[in-house]
């Protein structure tokens, strides 16, 4: 669970509970293309050398160059290819050339692209709700801290060192935070990052994430933001993409889902931690939000 003193972004990343699934070095030469459809896991890529094209389903293509980093927390699918993709129906399966190393394109073509690619998973029962707060894609250039983190993650996945899983989780948390706070917030769709880029809304978001168990209202949040109630409501909804109390409820339910699956607490204890005065009030709110009772959710349903 996030520490009560954590800021909004780190508390969301911590609750996502990221874990590395795959980390690999990809080399490519000549015409090549990789397609992913119905993606089930977040994806990131640090381009070490060369350039290529990336297109997320339903969006315009972007060119990735050496030193670029891209993070896709959630998307239906994407295509990566050389600047000139291969003709249709050409076999496009990557060739594994060694542990964690793959080759794309004709085997005789010289390598002109190298990238560190990773897939991760979010081990949280509130995955859908939390990723809805994040942009579909983050694309940043020239961020040395990100470029330095990805090789460390790749190296750690290759070695069976003591403490490996904890190290990978912490590295991935740092990677996600660095990526999410590096993008130009003004160019992003409404969501958490747009809200955090607004100094007044950031104060209200901090209040929500640091005190989900406290009494929260639009009036109190507007006061924390130093704004009128109506002005705060409209700006929050425009920048974050949902009304203030809807956001509060979503965050409380994300915390509640995690606590229920972790076990060890009564419904009354969970209710107090997430801002409800009794187990019955919490149970009714949870059932409206999740479509089943807290007990059913805790047992693995839903």
C-alpha atoms as a PDB file:
ATOM      1  CA  UNK A   1       0.000   0.000   0.000  1.00  0.00           C
ATOM      2  CA  UNK A   2       1.197   3.546  -0.666  1.00  0.00           C
ATOM      3  CA  UNK A   3       2.621   5.443   2.270  1.00  0.00           C
ATOM      4  CA  UNK A   4       0.182   8.081   3.545  1.00  0.00           C
ATOM      5  CA  UNK A   5       2.819  10.746   2.947  1.00  0.00           C
ATOM      6  CA  UNK A   6       3.419   9.743  -0.670  1.00  0.00           C
ATOM      7  CA  UNK A   7       2.602  12.216  -3.412  1.00  0.00           C
ATOM      8  CA  UNK A   8      -0.157  11.498  -5.909  1.00  0.00           C
ATOM      9  CA  UNK A   9       2.015  10.139  -8.720  1.00  0.00           C
ATOM     10  CA  UNK A  10       4.150   7.846  -6.579  1.00  0.00           C
ATOM     11  CA  UNK A  11       1.088   6.540  -4.735  1.00  0.00           C
ATOM     12  CA  UNK A  12      -0.543   5.527  -8.033  1.00  0.00           C
ATOM     13  CA  UNK A  13       2.646   3.851  -9.306  1.00  0.00           C
ATOM     14  CA  UNK A  14       3.130   2.019  -5.994  1.00  0.00           C
ATOM     15  CA  UNK A  15      -0.464   0.782  -6.013  1.00  0.00           C
ATOM     16  CA  UNK A  16      -0.011  -0.447  -9.594  1.00  0.00           C
ATOM     17  CA  UNK A  17       2.651  -2.794  -8.161  1.00  0.00           C
ATOM     18  CA  UNK A  18       4.659  -3.099 -11.401  1.00  0.00           C
ATOM     19  CA  UNK A  19       6.749  -6.176 -12.175  1.00  0.00           C
ATOM     20  CA  UNK A  20       8.984  -6.943 -15.155  1.00  0.00           C
ATOM     21  CA  UNK A  21       7.709  -9.698 -17.466  1.00  0.00           C
ATOM     22  CA  UNK A  22      10.220  -9.496 -20.336  1.00  0.00           C
ATOM     23  CA  UNK A  23      13.352  -7.444 -20.966  1.00  0.00           C
ATOM     24  CA  UNK A  24      15.313  -7.844 -24.187  1.00  0.00           C
ATOM     25  CA  UNK A  25      17.841  -6.244 -26.498  1.00  0.00           C
ATOM     26  CA  UNK A  26      16.438  -5.983 -30.015  1.00  0.00           C
ATOM     27  CA  UNK A  27      18.662  -5.445 -33.048  1.00  0.00           C
ATOM     28  CA  UNK A  28      17.298  -4.801 -36.519  1.00  0.00           C
ATOM     29  CA  UNK A  29      18.485  -4.157 -40.051  1.00  0.00           C
ATOM     30  CA  UNK A  30      16.869  -3.803 -43.447  1.00  0.00           C
ATOM     31  CA  UNK A  31      13.070  -3.714 -43.748  1.00  0.00           C
ATOM     32  CA  UNK A  32      11.280  -5.086 -40.675  1.00  0.00           C
ATOM     33  CA  UNK A  33       8.012  -4.752 -38.784  1.00  0.00           C
ATOM     34  CA  UNK A  34       6.539  -5.939 -35.493  1.00  0.00           C
ATOM     35  CA  UNK A  35       2.817  -5.827 -34.726  1.00  0.00           C
ATOM     36  CA  UNK A  36       1.095  -6.255 -31.382  1.00  0.00           C
ATOM     37  CA  UNK A  37      -2.676  -6.524 -31.134  1.00  0.00           C
ATOM     38  CA  UNK A  38      -4.900  -6.821 -28.038  1.00  0.00           C
ATOM     39  CA  UNK A  39      -1.983  -6.026 -25.796  1.00  0.00           C
ATOM     40  CA  UNK A  40      -2.193  -7.500 -22.321  1.00  0.00           C
ATOM     41  CA  UNK A  41       0.829  -5.771 -20.787  1.00  0.00           C
ATOM     42  CA  UNK A  42       2.430  -2.326 -20.587  1.00  0.00           C
ATOM     43  CA  UNK A  43       5.373  -1.796 -22.924  1.00  0.00           C
ATOM     44  CA  UNK A  44       8.452   0.428 -22.894  1.00  0.00           C
ATOM     45  CA  UNK A  45      11.339   0.953 -25.306  1.00  0.00           C
ATOM     46  CA  UNK A  46      14.599   2.873 -25.140  1.00  0.00           C
ATOM     47  CA  UNK A  47      16.144   3.392 -28.572  1.00  0.00           C
ATOM     48  CA  UNK A  48      19.919   3.063 -28.252  1.00  0.00           C
ATOM     49  CA  UNK A  49      20.873   3.453 -31.923  1.00  0.00           C
ATOM     50  CA  UNK A  50      19.158   4.273 -35.215  1.00  0.00           C
ATOM     51  CA  UNK A  51      15.549   5.293 -35.825  1.00  0.00           C
ATOM     52  CA  UNK A  52      12.217   3.585 -36.474  1.00  0.00           C
ATOM     53  CA  UNK A  53       8.486   4.228 -36.785  1.00  0.00           C
ATOM     54  CA  UNK A  54       5.940   3.606 -34.036  1.00  0.00           C
ATOM     55  CA  UNK A  55       2.193   3.716 -34.576  1.00  0.00           C
ATOM     56  CA  UNK A  56      -0.385   3.099 -31.896  1.00  0.00           C
ATOM     57  CA  UNK A  57      -3.731   1.884 -33.199  1.00  0.00           C
ATOM     58  CA  UNK A  58      -5.887   4.877 -33.991  1.00  0.00           C
ATOM     59  CA  UNK A  59      -3.062   7.452 -33.753  1.00  0.00           C
ATOM     60  CA  UNK A  60      -0.637   9.090 -36.153  1.00  0.00           C
ATOM     61  CA  UNK A  61       2.805   7.432 -36.416  1.00  0.00           C
ATOM     62  CA  UNK A  62       5.787   8.919 -34.582  1.00  0.00           C
ATOM     63  CA  UNK A  63       9.482   8.607 -35.368  1.00  0.00           C
ATOM     64  CA  UNK A  64      11.721   7.281 -32.605  1.00  0.00           C
ATOM     65  CA  UNK A  65      15.387   8.278 -32.685  1.00  0.00           C
ATOM     66  CA  UNK A  66      18.442   7.299 -30.657  1.00  0.00           C
ATOM     67  CA  UNK A  67      18.029   8.616 -27.117  1.00  0.00           C
ATOM     68  CA  UNK A  68      14.213   8.443 -27.242  1.00  0.00           C
ATOM     69  CA  UNK A  69      12.137   6.613 -24.651  1.00  0.00           C
ATOM     70  CA  UNK A  70       8.535   5.536 -25.097  1.00  0.00           C
ATOM     71  CA  UNK A  71       6.155   4.130 -22.484  1.00  0.00           C
ATOM     72  CA  UNK A  72       2.769   2.654 -23.388  1.00  0.00           C
ATOM     73  CA  UNK A  73       0.843   1.949 -20.151  1.00  0.00           C
ATOM     74  CA  UNK A  74      -2.238   0.809 -22.037  1.00  0.00           C
ATOM     75  CA  UNK A  75      -3.183   0.587 -25.705  1.00  0.00           C
ATOM     76  CA  UNK A  76      -5.102  -1.807 -27.929  1.00  0.00           C
ATOM     77  CA  UNK A  77      -2.095  -2.425 -30.128  1.00  0.00           C
ATOM     78  CA  UNK A  78       0.828  -0.903 -31.965  1.00  0.00           C
ATOM     79  CA  UNK A  79       3.168  -1.386 -34.895  1.00  0.00           C
ATOM     80  CA  UNK A  80       6.925  -0.727 -34.952  1.00  0.00           C
ATOM     81  CA  UNK A  81       8.837  -0.831 -38.198  1.00  0.00           C
ATOM     82  CA  UNK A  82      11.835   0.347 -40.134  1.00  0.00           C
ATOM     83  CA  UNK A  83      11.455   3.684 -41.917  1.00  0.00           C
ATOM     84  CA  UNK A  84      10.479   1.684 -45.005  1.00  0.00           C
ATOM     85  CA  UNK A  85       8.477  -1.345 -43.819  1.00  0.00           C
ATOM     86  CA  UNK A  86       8.670  -4.705 -45.563  1.00  0.00           C
ATOM     87  CA  UNK A  87       6.089  -5.720 -48.193  1.00  0.00           C
ATOM     88  CA  UNK A  88       2.887  -7.348 -46.907  1.00  0.00           C
ATOM     89  CA  UNK A  89       2.925 -11.060 -46.076  1.00  0.00           C
ATOM     90  CA  UNK A  90       6.694 -11.184 -45.492  1.00  0.00           C
ATOM     91  CA  UNK A  91       7.508 -13.304 -42.374  1.00  0.00           C
ATOM     92  CA  UNK A  92       8.164 -10.930 -39.480  1.00  0.00           C
ATOM     93  CA  UNK A  93       8.933 -13.166 -36.521  1.00  0.00           C
ATOM     94  CA  UNK A  94      12.013 -12.096 -34.534  1.00  0.00           C
ATOM     95  CA  UNK A  95      14.976 -14.447 -34.353  1.00  0.00           C
ATOM     96  CA  UNK A  96      16.380 -15.132 -30.888  1.00  0.00           C
ATOM     97  CA  UNK A  97      20.160 -14.818 -31.150  1.00  0.00           C
ATOM     98  CA  UNK A  98      20.988 -15.311 -27.464  1.00  0.00           C
ATOM     99  CA  UNK A  99      19.528 -14.963 -23.954  1.00  0.00           C
ATOM    100  CA  UNK A 100      17.451 -11.790 -24.031  1.00  0.00           C
ATOM    101  CA  UNK A 101      18.662 -10.825 -27.533  1.00  0.00           C
ATOM    102  CA  UNK A 102      16.531 -10.770 -30.688  1.00  0.00           C
ATOM    103  CA  UNK A 103      17.126  -9.886 -34.340  1.00  0.00           C
ATOM    104  CA  UNK A 104      14.590  -8.368 -36.759  1.00  0.00           C
ATOM    105  CA  UNK A 105      14.832  -8.017 -40.524  1.00  0.00           C
ATOM    106  CA  UNK A 106      16.741  -9.999 -43.162  1.00  0.00           C
ATOM    107  CA  UNK A 107      19.633 -11.905 -41.614  1.00  0.00           C
ATOM    108  CA  UNK A 108      22.110 -10.550 -44.153  1.00  0.00           C
ATOM    109  CA  UNK A 109      21.268  -6.888 -43.620  1.00  0.00           C
ATOM    110  CA  UNK A 110      23.665  -4.894 -41.418  1.00  0.00           C
ATOM    111  CA  UNK A 111      22.319  -3.941 -37.982  1.00  0.00           C
ATOM    112  CA  UNK A 112      21.362  -0.269 -37.891  1.00  0.00           C
ATOM    113  CA  UNK A 113      18.920  -0.204 -34.972  1.00  0.00           C
ATOM    114  CA  UNK A 114      19.378  -1.276 -31.364  1.00  0.00           C
ATOM    115  CA  UNK A 115      16.713  -0.928 -28.695  1.00  0.00           C
ATOM    116  CA  UNK A 116      16.115  -2.096 -25.142  1.00  0.00           C
ATOM    117  CA  UNK A 117      12.534  -3.308 -24.923  1.00  0.00           C
ATOM    118  CA  UNK A 118      10.539  -4.351 -21.890  1.00  0.00           C
ATOM    119  CA  UNK A 119       7.084  -5.625 -21.052  1.00  0.00           C
ATOM    120  CA  UNK A 120       5.753  -5.417 -17.527  1.00  0.00           C
ATOM    121  CA  UNK A 121       2.578  -6.228 -15.654  1.00  0.00           C
ATOM    122  CA  UNK A 122       0.600  -4.367 -13.014  1.00  0.00           C
ATOM    123  CA  UNK A 123      -0.133  -6.740 -10.147  1.00  0.00           C
ATOM    124  CA  UNK A 124      -3.083  -4.837  -8.735  1.00  0.00           C
ATOM    125  CA  UNK A 125      -6.791  -5.678  -8.554  1.00  0.00           C
ATOM    126  CA  UNK A 126      -7.494  -2.035  -9.519  1.00  0.00           C
ATOM    127  CA  UNK A 127      -5.431  -2.091 -12.717  1.00  0.00           C
ATOM    128  CA  UNK A 128      -8.159  -0.840 -15.066  1.00  0.00           C
ATOM    129  CA  UNK A 129      -9.085   2.090 -12.888  1.00  0.00           C
ATOM    130  CA  UNK A 130      -5.500   3.167 -12.245  1.00  0.00           C
ATOM    131  CA  UNK A 131      -4.278   2.990 -15.833  1.00  0.00           C
ATOM    132  CA  UNK A 132      -7.280   5.076 -16.862  1.00  0.00           C
ATOM    133  CA  UNK A 133      -5.600   7.946 -14.979  1.00  0.00           C
ATOM    134  CA  UNK A 134      -2.495   7.670 -17.175  1.00  0.00           C
ATOM    135  CA  UNK A 135      -1.894   8.735 -20.795  1.00  0.00           C
ATOM    136  CA  UNK A 136      -2.022   6.136 -23.543  1.00  0.00           C
ATOM    137  CA  UNK A 137       1.586   6.873 -24.471  1.00  0.00           C
ATOM    138  CA  UNK A 138       4.562   8.881 -23.183  1.00  0.00           C
ATOM    139  CA  UNK A 139       7.307   9.791 -25.670  1.00  0.00           C
ATOM    140  CA  UNK A 140      10.338  11.742 -24.424  1.00  0.00           C
ATOM    141  CA  UNK A 141      13.735  12.572 -25.899  1.00  0.00           C
ATOM    142  CA  UNK A 142      17.133  13.222 -24.364  1.00  0.00           C
ATOM    143  CA  UNK A 143      16.258  12.085 -20.834  1.00  0.00           C
ATOM    144  CA  UNK A 144      19.561  10.670 -19.583  1.00  0.00           C
ATOM    145  CA  UNK A 145      18.053   9.305 -16.363  1.00  0.00           C
ATOM    146  CA  UNK A 146      15.618   7.132 -18.328  1.00  0.00           C
ATOM    147  CA  UNK A 147      18.345   6.027 -20.726  1.00  0.00           C
ATOM    148  CA  UNK A 148      20.453   4.962 -17.736  1.00  0.00           C
ATOM    149  CA  UNK A 149      17.662   3.062 -15.943  1.00  0.00           C
ATOM    150  CA  UNK A 150      16.596   0.764 -18.781  1.00  0.00           C
ATOM    151  CA  UNK A 151      20.008  -0.990 -19.186  1.00  0.00           C
ATOM    152  CA  UNK A 152      20.146  -1.578 -15.417  1.00  0.00           C
ATOM    153  CA  UNK A 153      16.723  -3.248 -15.528  1.00  0.00           C
ATOM    154  CA  UNK A 154      17.810  -5.333 -18.524  1.00  0.00           C
ATOM    155  CA  UNK A 155      20.985  -6.449 -16.745  1.00  0.00           C
ATOM    156  CA  UNK A 156      19.117  -7.295 -13.551  1.00  0.00           C
ATOM    157  CA  UNK A 157      16.662  -9.554 -15.423  1.00  0.00           C
ATOM    158  CA  UNK A 158      19.586 -11.551 -16.825  1.00  0.00           C
ATOM    159  CA  UNK A 159      21.131 -12.366 -13.426  1.00  0.00           C
ATOM    160  CA  UNK A 160      19.820 -14.548 -10.593  1.00  0.00           C
ATOM    161  CA  UNK A 161      21.088 -12.274  -7.832  1.00  0.00           C
ATOM    162  CA  UNK A 162      19.774 -12.197  -4.244  1.00  0.00           C
ATOM    163  CA  UNK A 163      16.961  -9.665  -3.888  1.00  0.00           C
ATOM    164  CA  UNK A 164      16.381  -9.626  -7.644  1.00  0.00           C
ATOM    165  CA  UNK A 165      12.584  -9.298  -7.546  1.00  0.00           C
ATOM    166  CA  UNK A 166      12.625  -6.419  -5.070  1.00  0.00           C
ATOM    167  CA  UNK A 167      15.355  -4.615  -7.005  1.00  0.00           C
ATOM    168  CA  UNK A 168      13.429  -5.012 -10.273  1.00  0.00           C
ATOM    169  CA  UNK A 169      10.200  -3.750  -8.711  1.00  0.00           C
ATOM    170  CA  UNK A 170      11.889  -0.652  -7.275  1.00  0.00           C
ATOM    171  CA  UNK A 171      13.744   0.042 -10.537  1.00  0.00           C
ATOM    172  CA  UNK A 172      10.529  -0.283 -12.512  1.00  0.00           C
ATOM    173  CA  UNK A 173       8.691   2.039 -10.126  1.00  0.00           C
ATOM    174  CA  UNK A 174      11.416   4.651 -10.597  1.00  0.00           C
ATOM    175  CA  UNK A 175      11.342   4.130 -14.375  1.00  0.00           C
ATOM    176  CA  UNK A 176       7.580   4.672 -14.519  1.00  0.00           C
ATOM    177  CA  UNK A 177       7.702   7.781 -12.328  1.00  0.00           C
ATOM    178  CA  UNK A 178      10.575   9.252 -14.345  1.00  0.00           C
ATOM    179  CA  UNK A 179       8.764   8.577 -17.618  1.00  0.00           C
ATOM    180  CA  UNK A 180       5.405   9.885 -16.451  1.00  0.00           C
ATOM    181  CA  UNK A 181       6.795  13.115 -15.054  1.00  0.00           C
ATOM    182  CA  UNK A 182       9.094  13.743 -18.038  1.00  0.00           C
ATOM    183  CA  UNK A 183       6.417  14.143 -20.695  1.00  0.00           C
ATOM    184  CA  UNK A 184       4.958  17.542 -21.672  1.00  0.00           C
ATOM    185  CA  UNK A 185       1.784  17.623 -19.556  1.00  0.00           C
ATOM    186  CA  UNK A 186       0.142  20.334 -21.655  1.00  0.00           C
ATOM    187  CA  UNK A 187       0.144  18.004 -24.672  1.00  0.00           C
ATOM    188  CA  UNK A 188      -1.446  15.099 -22.776  1.00  0.00           C
ATOM    189  CA  UNK A 189      -5.152  14.256 -22.614  1.00  0.00           C
ATOM    190  CA  UNK A 190      -7.053  14.932 -19.368  1.00  0.00           C
ATOM    191  CA  UNK A 191      -5.796  12.757 -16.534  1.00  0.00           C
ATOM    192  CA  UNK A 192      -3.617  12.648 -13.460  1.00  0.00           C
ATOM    193  CA  UNK A 193      -0.536  14.159 -15.133  1.00  0.00           C
ATOM    194  CA  UNK A 194      -2.499  17.119 -16.505  1.00  0.00           C
ATOM    195  CA  UNK A 195      -3.898  17.717 -13.040  1.00  0.00           C
ATOM    196  CA  UNK A 196      -0.490  17.519 -11.366  1.00  0.00           C
ATOM    197  CA  UNK A 197       0.912  20.054 -13.850  1.00  0.00           C
ATOM    198  CA  UNK A 198      -1.556  22.611 -12.483  1.00  0.00           C
ATOM    199  CA  UNK A 199      -0.092  23.911  -9.155  1.00  0.00           C
ATOM    200  CA  UNK A 200      -3.505  24.559  -7.603  1.00  0.00           C
ATOM    201  CA  UNK A 201      -5.021  21.245  -8.635  1.00  0.00           C
ATOM    202  CA  UNK A 202      -1.831  19.483  -7.551  1.00  0.00           C
ATOM    203  CA  UNK A 203      -2.479  20.640  -3.981  1.00  0.00           C
ATOM    204  CA  UNK A 204      -5.963  19.128  -4.056  1.00  0.00           C
ATOM    205  CA  UNK A 205      -4.717  15.886  -5.606  1.00  0.00           C
ATOM    206  CA  UNK A 206      -2.068  15.620  -2.921  1.00  0.00           C
ATOM    207  CA  UNK A 207      -4.760  16.043  -0.266  1.00  0.00           C
ATOM    208  CA  UNK A 208      -6.797  13.226  -1.837  1.00  0.00           C
ATOM    209  CA  UNK A 209      -3.911  10.786  -2.154  1.00  0.00           C
ATOM    210  CA  UNK A 210      -2.389  11.529   1.245  1.00  0.00           C
ATOM    211  CA  UNK A 211      -5.663  11.309   3.154  1.00  0.00           C
ATOM    212  CA  UNK A 212      -8.218   9.016   1.537  1.00  0.00           C
ATOM    213  CA  UNK A 213      -9.544   8.192   5.007  1.00  0.00           C
ATOM    214  CA  UNK A 214     -10.217  11.836   5.834  1.00  0.00           C
ATOM    215  CA  UNK A 215     -13.438  13.754   5.254  1.00  0.00           C
ATOM    216  CA  UNK A 216     -13.132  15.074   1.702  1.00  0.00           C
ATOM    217  CA  UNK A 217     -15.523  17.403  -0.077  1.00  0.00           C
ATOM    218  CA  UNK A 218     -15.446  19.695  -3.094  1.00  0.00           C
ATOM    219  CA  UNK A 219     -15.479  22.660  -0.718  1.00  0.00           C
ATOM    220  CA  UNK A 220     -12.486  21.378   1.275  1.00  0.00           C
ATOM    221  CA  UNK A 221     -10.549  20.491  -1.882  1.00  0.00           C
ATOM    222  CA  UNK A 222     -11.288  23.882  -3.432  1.00  0.00           C
ATOM    223  CA  UNK A 223      -9.959  25.526  -0.276  1.00  0.00           C
ATOM    224  CA  UNK A 224      -6.762  23.429  -0.498  1.00  0.00           C
ATOM    225  CA  UNK A 225      -6.404  24.621  -4.093  1.00  0.00           C
ATOM    226  CA  UNK A 226      -7.045  28.257  -3.135  1.00  0.00           C
ATOM    227  CA  UNK A 227      -9.992  28.494  -5.538  1.00  0.00           C
ATOM    228  CA  UNK A 228     -13.710  29.085  -5.491  1.00  0.00           C
ATOM    229  CA  UNK A 229     -15.831  25.966  -5.332  1.00  0.00           C
ATOM    230  CA  UNK A 230     -17.295  26.398  -8.812  1.00  0.00           C
ATOM    231  CA  UNK A 231     -13.980  27.392 -10.387  1.00  0.00           C
ATOM    232  CA  UNK A 232     -12.231  24.426  -8.814  1.00  0.00           C
ATOM    233  CA  UNK A 233     -14.938  21.975  -9.885  1.00  0.00           C
ATOM    234  CA  UNK A 234     -14.805  23.045 -13.520  1.00  0.00           C
ATOM    235  CA  UNK A 235     -10.999  23.156 -13.745  1.00  0.00           C
ATOM    236  CA  UNK A 236     -10.618  19.773 -12.032  1.00  0.00           C
ATOM    237  CA  UNK A 237     -13.126  18.151 -14.374  1.00  0.00           C
ATOM    238  CA  UNK A 238     -11.472  19.714 -17.434  1.00  0.00           C
ATOM    239  CA  UNK A 239      -7.878  18.851 -16.498  1.00  0.00           C
ATOM    240  CA  UNK A 240      -8.320  15.494 -14.747  1.00  0.00           C
ATOM    241  CA  UNK A 241     -11.203  14.215 -16.845  1.00  0.00           C
ATOM    242  CA  UNK A 242     -13.643  13.457 -14.044  1.00  0.00           C
ATOM    243  CA  UNK A 243     -15.451  15.369 -11.313  1.00  0.00           C
ATOM    244  CA  UNK A 244     -13.569  15.827  -7.999  1.00  0.00           C
ATOM    245  CA  UNK A 245     -15.713  13.511  -5.888  1.00  0.00           C
ATOM    246  CA  UNK A 246     -15.822  10.927  -8.666  1.00  0.00           C
ATOM    247  CA  UNK A 247     -12.010  10.947  -8.563  1.00  0.00           C
ATOM    248  CA  UNK A 248     -12.068  10.671  -4.765  1.00  0.00           C
ATOM    249  CA  UNK A 249     -14.374   7.650  -4.943  1.00  0.00           C
ATOM    250  CA  UNK A 250     -12.263   6.002  -7.646  1.00  0.00           C
ATOM    251  CA  UNK A 251      -9.095   6.395  -5.576  1.00  0.00           C
ATOM    252  CA  UNK A 252     -10.776   5.115  -2.416  1.00  0.00           C
ATOM    253  CA  UNK A 253     -12.084   2.068  -4.275  1.00  0.00           C
ATOM    254  CA  UNK A 254      -8.641   1.352  -5.749  1.00  0.00           C
ATOM    255  CA  UNK A 255      -7.211   1.335  -2.227  1.00  0.00           C
ATOM    256  CA  UNK A 256     -10.113  -0.770  -0.950  1.00  0.00           C
ATOM    257  CA  UNK A 257      -9.680  -3.400  -3.668  1.00  0.00           C
ATOM    258  CA  UNK A 258      -6.017  -3.760  -2.783  1.00  0.00           C
ATOM    259  CA  UNK A 259      -6.738  -4.046   0.955  1.00  0.00           C
ATOM    260  CA  UNK A 260      -9.497  -6.588   0.377  1.00  0.00           C
ATOM    261  CA  UNK A 261      -7.276  -8.843  -1.733  1.00  0.00           C
ATOM    262  CA  UNK A 262      -4.369  -8.503   0.708  1.00  0.00           C
ATOM    263  CA  UNK A 263      -6.558  -9.707   3.584  1.00  0.00           C
ATOM    264  CA  UNK A 264      -5.910  -9.274   7.287  1.00  0.00           C
ATOM    265  CA  UNK A 265      -8.330  -6.363   7.866  1.00  0.00           C
ATOM    266  CA  UNK A 266     -12.021  -6.331   8.681  1.00  0.00           C
ATOM    267  CA  UNK A 267     -14.472  -4.426   6.514  1.00  0.00           C
ATOM    268  CA  UNK A 268     -14.818  -1.890   9.323  1.00  0.00           C
ATOM    269  CA  UNK A 269     -11.059  -1.301   9.374  1.00  0.00           C
ATOM    270  CA  UNK A 270     -10.959  -0.940   5.589  1.00  0.00           C
ATOM    271  CA  UNK A 271     -13.969   1.393   5.669  1.00  0.00           C
ATOM    272  CA  UNK A 272     -12.190   3.759   8.046  1.00  0.00           C
ATOM    273  CA  UNK A 273      -8.998   3.680   5.987  1.00  0.00           C
ATOM    274  CA  UNK A 274     -10.833   4.731   2.833  1.00  0.00           C
ATOM    275  CA  UNK A 275     -13.148   7.354   4.266  1.00  0.00           C
ATOM    276  CA  UNK A 276     -16.376   5.588   5.210  1.00  0.00           C
ATOM    277  CA  UNK A 277     -17.875   5.756   8.680  1.00  0.00           C
ATOM    278  CA  UNK A 278     -19.077   2.165   8.872  1.00  0.00           C
ATOM    279  CA  UNK A 279     -18.747  -1.216   7.219  1.00  0.00           C
ATOM    280  CA  UNK A 280     -22.309  -0.983   5.903  1.00  0.00           C
ATOM    281  CA  UNK A 281     -21.720   2.419   4.251  1.00  0.00           C
ATOM    282  CA  UNK A 282     -18.518   1.095   2.728  1.00  0.00           C
ATOM    283  CA  UNK A 283     -20.226  -2.109   1.556  1.00  0.00           C
ATOM    284  CA  UNK A 284     -22.978  -0.217  -0.242  1.00  0.00           C
ATOM    285  CA  UNK A 285     -20.489   2.180  -1.891  1.00  0.00           C
ATOM    286  CA  UNK A 286     -18.240  -0.694  -2.938  1.00  0.00           C
ATOM    287  CA  UNK A 287     -21.130  -2.707  -4.400  1.00  0.00           C
ATOM    288  CA  UNK A 288     -22.268   0.310  -6.445  1.00  0.00           C
ATOM    289  CA  UNK A 289     -18.751   0.817  -7.761  1.00  0.00           C
ATOM    290  CA  UNK A 290     -17.567  -2.776  -8.315  1.00  0.00           C
ATOM    291  CA  UNK A 291     -20.861  -4.583  -8.882  1.00  0.00           C
ATOM    292  CA  UNK A 292     -20.322  -7.070  -6.049  1.00  0.00           C
ATOM    293  CA  UNK A 293     -19.861  -7.070  -2.286  1.00  0.00           C
ATOM    294  CA  UNK A 294     -16.518  -6.551  -0.550  1.00  0.00           C
ATOM    295  CA  UNK A 295     -16.606 -10.154   0.656  1.00  0.00           C
ATOM    296  CA  UNK A 296     -17.183 -11.529  -2.839  1.00  0.00           C
ATOM    297  CA  UNK A 297     -14.367  -9.381  -4.213  1.00  0.00           C
ATOM    298  CA  UNK A 298     -11.999 -10.462  -1.430  1.00  0.00           C
ATOM    299  CA  UNK A 299     -12.682 -14.117  -2.281  1.00  0.00           C
ATOM    300  CA  UNK A 300     -11.446 -13.570  -5.833  1.00  0.00           C
ATOM    301  CA  UNK A 301     -14.656 -12.844  -7.702  1.00  0.00           C
ATOM    302  CA  UNK A 302     -14.749  -9.890 -10.094  1.00  0.00           C
END
